[in-house]
Amino acid sequence: MSHARSEYGDFKKIAPDAYELVLALGGVAAKAGLDKQLLELVKLRASQINGCAFCVQHHVLLSERIGVPVDKLHLVAVWREAPIFSARERAALAWAEALTLLPAGVSEDVYSEASREFSETELTYLTSAVASINVWNRFGAAFRWTPASRPVAANAAASRLQGRRS
């Protein structure tokens, strides 16, 4: 039996209080002043680890809209091997991975790196962003939310750009 969903509308309808809490938690890091592009990279990486196709696509599309360089989006899965990421982005991605892969825990090295790049307040809000995307990933995976399609105009533009590179 397939119970795929195209969006999180059922979650919003069935449990509006839970939906609103998760939504609010997801917004506090940006409201606290953390860079929105950095937060999208973190959410994308956690979603990749958790295998939530809906959230991966959602955060790729959102990242594109707010100007995250396409090369970073393509390389976030292998960020350790890609020199395109800043020290701050690397610290945030390592932090996100450590918190997403909890059985491994947050090593002293990851904590030290994150503490060098983020204030205690920023690290607390970054942790809230990682916690939030992990909650969304659990709902997306559990209810098999279907990834959104890229708008037709964006597909055409991406195809034209790809054609120029070939």
Protein backbone atom coordinates (compact mmCIF):
# COMPACT_ATOMS: atom_id res chain seq x y z
CA MET A 1 0.00 0.00 0.00
CA SER A 2 1.42 3.36 -1.01
CA HIS A 3 0.57 6.40 1.02
CA ALA A 4 2.65 9.01 -0.78
CA ARG A 5 1.75 12.63 -0.20
CA SER A 6 2.63 15.52 -2.46
CA GLU A 7 3.02 17.99 0.38
CA TYR A 8 2.73 18.37 4.12
CA GLY A 9 -0.87 19.59 3.94
CA ASP A 10 -2.17 16.47 5.65
CA PHE A 11 0.21 17.06 8.57
CA LYS A 12 -1.04 20.64 8.84
CA LYS A 13 -4.67 19.49 8.71
CA ILE A 14 -4.36 16.48 11.03
CA ALA A 15 -2.12 18.03 13.70
CA PRO A 16 -2.10 21.82 13.24
CA ASP A 17 -0.60 22.42 16.70
CA ALA A 18 2.37 20.12 16.00
CA TYR A 19 2.77 21.58 12.51
CA GLU A 20 2.90 25.14 13.88
CA LEU A 21 5.45 24.18 16.56
CA VAL A 22 7.77 22.51 14.06
CA LEU A 23 7.37 25.45 11.69
CA ALA A 24 8.18 27.91 14.47
CA LEU A 25 11.24 25.94 15.58
CA GLY A 26 12.49 25.98 12.00
CA GLY A 27 12.31 29.76 11.83
CA VAL A 28 14.04 30.80 15.04
CA ALA A 29 17.61 30.45 13.73
CA ALA A 30 16.98 32.82 10.82
CA LYS A 31 15.11 35.23 13.08
CA ALA A 32 18.13 35.18 15.40
CA GLY A 33 20.28 36.39 12.52
CA LEU A 34 22.00 33.26 11.22
CA ASP A 35 22.67 33.45 7.50
CA LYS A 36 19.77 31.98 5.53
CA GLN A 37 22.03 30.47 2.87
CA LEU A 38 24.09 28.71 5.55
CA LEU A 39 20.91 27.40 7.17
CA GLU A 40 19.69 26.02 3.83
CA LEU A 41 22.97 24.15 3.32
CA VAL A 42 22.61 22.63 6.80
CA LYS A 43 18.99 21.63 6.17
CA LEU A 44 19.89 20.15 2.80
CA ARG A 45 22.74 18.09 4.28
CA ALA A 46 20.60 16.72 7.13
CA SER A 47 17.85 15.86 4.66
CA GLN A 48 20.33 14.00 2.46
CA ILE A 49 21.55 11.97 5.43
CA ASN A 50 17.99 11.17 6.49
CA GLY A 51 16.92 10.19 2.97
CA CYS A 52 13.98 12.61 2.86
CA ALA A 53 13.51 13.27 -0.87
CA PHE A 54 10.76 15.83 -0.23
CA CYS A 55 12.99 17.90 2.08
CA VAL A 56 16.04 17.59 -0.19
CA GLN A 57 14.06 18.95 -3.15
CA HIS A 58 12.35 21.61 -1.02
CA HIS A 59 15.67 22.94 0.28
CA VAL A 60 17.37 22.77 -3.13
CA LEU A 61 14.59 24.86 -4.65
CA LEU A 62 14.52 27.28 -1.72
CA SER A 63 18.33 27.57 -1.80
CA GLU A 64 18.23 28.44 -5.49
CA ARG A 65 15.61 31.15 -4.83
CA ILE A 66 17.75 32.82 -2.16
CA GLY A 67 20.92 32.72 -4.26
CA VAL A 68 22.94 29.78 -2.92
CA PRO A 69 25.51 29.03 -5.63
CA VAL A 70 24.53 25.97 -7.66
CA ASP A 71 28.01 24.48 -7.24
CA LYS A 72 27.51 24.41 -3.48
CA LEU A 73 24.16 22.68 -3.88
CA HIS A 74 25.75 20.03 -6.08
CA LEU A 75 28.67 19.51 -3.70
CA VAL A 76 27.03 19.70 -0.28
CA ALA A 77 26.88 15.88 -0.09
CA VAL A 78 30.69 15.79 -0.40
CA TRP A 79 31.48 19.07 1.35
CA ARG A 80 34.63 17.72 3.02
CA GLU A 81 36.21 17.12 -0.40
CA ALA A 82 35.06 20.42 -1.94
CA PRO A 83 37.13 23.54 -1.19
CA ILE A 84 34.21 25.79 -2.20
CA PHE A 85 32.85 25.82 1.38
CA SER A 86 34.05 28.42 3.90
CA ALA A 87 35.35 27.51 7.37
CA ARG A 88 32.03 28.67 8.84
CA GLU A 89 30.02 26.53 6.39
CA ARG A 90 32.27 23.53 7.10
CA ALA A 91 31.76 23.96 10.84
CA ALA A 92 27.99 24.21 10.38
CA LEU A 93 27.85 21.15 8.11
CA ALA A 94 29.97 19.10 10.53
CA TRP A 95 27.70 20.22 13.38
CA ALA A 96 24.59 19.25 11.40
CA GLU A 97 26.02 15.82 10.61
CA ALA A 98 27.02 15.18 14.22
CA LEU A 99 23.55 16.11 15.49
CA THR A 100 21.80 14.15 12.73
CA LEU A 101 23.92 11.06 13.31
CA LEU A 102 23.48 11.09 17.08
CA PRO A 103 24.83 7.60 17.82
CA ALA A 104 28.20 8.94 16.64
CA GLY A 105 27.77 11.99 18.88
CA VAL A 106 29.43 15.37 18.72
CA SER A 107 33.17 14.83 18.89
CA GLU A 108 35.47 17.22 20.69
CA ASP A 109 36.94 18.22 17.30
CA VAL A 110 33.52 19.07 15.83
CA TYR A 111 32.56 20.99 18.96
CA SER A 112 35.84 22.94 18.92
CA GLU A 113 35.50 23.76 15.22
CA ALA A 114 31.89 24.91 15.64
CA SER A 115 32.78 26.95 18.73
CA ARG A 116 35.52 28.77 16.79
CA GLU A 117 33.09 29.76 14.03
CA PHE A 118 29.90 30.42 16.03
CA SER A 119 29.15 32.22 19.28
CA GLU A 120 27.38 30.22 21.98
CA THR A 121 24.10 31.91 21.02
CA GLU A 122 24.61 31.22 17.30
CA LEU A 123 25.49 27.59 18.01
CA THR A 124 22.34 27.22 20.08
CA TYR A 125 20.21 28.58 17.24
CA LEU A 126 22.09 26.48 14.68
CA THR A 127 21.25 23.46 16.84
CA SER A 128 17.58 24.45 16.74
CA ALA A 129 17.75 24.56 12.92
CA VAL A 130 19.28 21.09 12.79
CA ALA A 131 16.71 19.77 15.25
CA SER A 132 13.90 21.27 13.19
CA ILE A 133 14.99 19.78 9.87
CA ASN A 134 15.42 16.40 11.52
CA VAL A 135 11.79 16.61 12.73
CA TRP A 136 10.60 17.56 9.23
CA ASN A 137 12.65 14.67 7.78
CA ARG A 138 10.94 12.22 10.10
CA PHE A 139 7.50 13.34 8.92
CA GLY A 140 8.57 13.42 5.26
CA ALA A 141 10.06 9.93 5.42
CA ALA A 142 7.22 8.48 7.51
CA PHE A 143 4.47 9.72 5.24
CA ARG A 144 6.46 9.46 1.99
CA TRP A 145 5.98 13.07 0.97
CA THR A 146 6.62 13.41 -2.75
CA PRO A 147 9.21 15.99 -3.82
CA ALA A 148 7.88 19.08 -5.52
CA SER A 149 8.51 19.46 -9.23
CA ARG A 150 10.71 22.24 -10.44
CA PRO A 151 8.61 24.94 -12.14
CA VAL A 152 8.52 24.50 -15.94
CA ALA A 153 10.26 27.85 -16.61
CA ALA A 154 13.10 26.92 -14.26
CA ASN A 155 13.50 23.53 -15.99
CA ALA A 156 13.79 25.25 -19.36
CA ALA A 157 16.36 27.73 -18.01
CA ALA A 158 18.40 24.93 -16.42
CA SER A 159 18.33 22.97 -19.70
CA ARG A 160 19.51 26.01 -21.68
CA LEU A 161 22.33 26.61 -19.20
CA GLN A 162 23.33 22.94 -19.35
CA GLY A 163 23.35 23.11 -23.16
CA ARG A 164 25.78 26.05 -23.10
CA ARG A 165 28.20 24.12 -20.86
CA SER A 166 28.25 21.04 -23.13
